[in-house]
Amino acid sequence: MEPRSDRQEMALLAILIACGEKAIEAFQASDNPVDSDFLAELQRVIERSRDELVALRQANPEPS
């Protein structure tokens, strides 16, 4: 199995961020109680993923 390219890594991070954000939106919109620790951890995952995505984009700028 070949290692993922930076482009693939960026795509996976973007998907992870979007899924996490939508999950938080759904939890907040529902009338069901949500575990606050779970939401906090999900938010941390999103923030770490954003940081990694920014770092990858800075290391691999898009050609102009």
Protein backbone atom coordinates (compact mmCIF):
# COMPACT_ATOMS: atom_id res chain seq x y z
CA MET A 1 0.00 0.00 0.00
CA GLU A 2 1.41 3.36 -1.02
CA PRO A 3 1.41 6.27 1.41
CA ARG A 4 -1.20 8.95 0.82
CA SER A 5 -0.14 12.06 -1.02
CA ASP A 6 -0.45 15.50 0.58
CA ARG A 7 -3.35 16.21 -1.77
CA GLN A 8 -5.20 13.11 -0.56
CA GLU A 9 -4.38 14.02 3.03
CA MET A 10 -5.84 17.51 2.52
CA ALA A 11 -9.01 16.05 0.99
CA LEU A 12 -9.45 13.64 3.91
CA LEU A 13 -8.97 16.44 6.43
CA ALA A 14 -11.53 18.61 4.62
CA ILE A 15 -14.05 15.75 4.74
CA LEU A 16 -13.35 15.14 8.43
CA ILE A 17 -13.84 18.82 9.24
CA ALA A 18 -17.10 19.03 7.28
CA CYS A 19 -18.50 15.86 8.86
CA GLY A 20 -17.60 17.04 12.34
CA GLU A 21 -19.17 20.46 11.78
CA LYS A 22 -22.38 18.92 10.42
CA ALA A 23 -22.54 16.49 13.34
CA ILE A 24 -22.27 19.36 15.81
CA GLU A 25 -24.99 21.27 13.94
CA ALA A 26 -27.26 18.22 14.06
CA PHE A 27 -26.64 17.66 17.76
CA GLN A 28 -27.37 21.30 18.54
CA ALA A 29 -30.54 21.32 16.41
CA SER A 30 -31.96 18.18 18.01
CA ASP A 31 -34.06 18.23 21.14
CA ASN A 32 -32.16 15.23 22.48
CA PRO A 33 -29.58 15.64 25.25
CA VAL A 34 -26.02 15.42 24.01
CA ASP A 35 -22.94 14.47 26.00
CA SER A 36 -21.03 17.73 26.48
CA ASP A 37 -17.71 15.86 26.78
CA PHE A 38 -18.34 14.24 23.40
CA LEU A 39 -19.11 17.60 21.79
CA ALA A 40 -15.98 19.14 23.31
CA GLU A 41 -13.83 16.29 22.00
CA LEU A 42 -15.41 16.55 18.56
CA GLN A 43 -14.66 20.28 18.53
CA ARG A 44 -11.02 19.54 19.46
CA VAL A 45 -10.78 17.03 16.59
CA ILE A 46 -12.12 19.66 14.19
CA GLU A 47 -9.64 22.28 15.42
CA ARG A 48 -6.68 19.88 15.18
CA SER A 49 -7.78 18.90 11.68
CA ARG A 50 -8.02 22.56 10.65
CA ASP A 51 -4.53 23.19 12.00
CA GLU A 52 -3.16 20.19 10.09
CA LEU A 53 -4.91 21.31 6.92
CA VAL A 54 -3.46 24.82 7.20
CA ALA A 55 0.01 23.38 7.74
CA LEU A 56 -0.30 21.11 4.71
CA ARG A 57 -1.56 23.97 2.54
CA GLN A 58 1.34 26.17 3.63
CA ALA A 59 3.82 23.38 2.88
CA ASN A 60 2.20 22.70 -0.51
CA PRO A 61 0.92 25.96 -1.99
CA GLU A 62 -1.29 25.72 -5.06
CA PRO A 63 0.50 26.75 -8.25
CA SER A 64 -0.66 30.10 -9.62
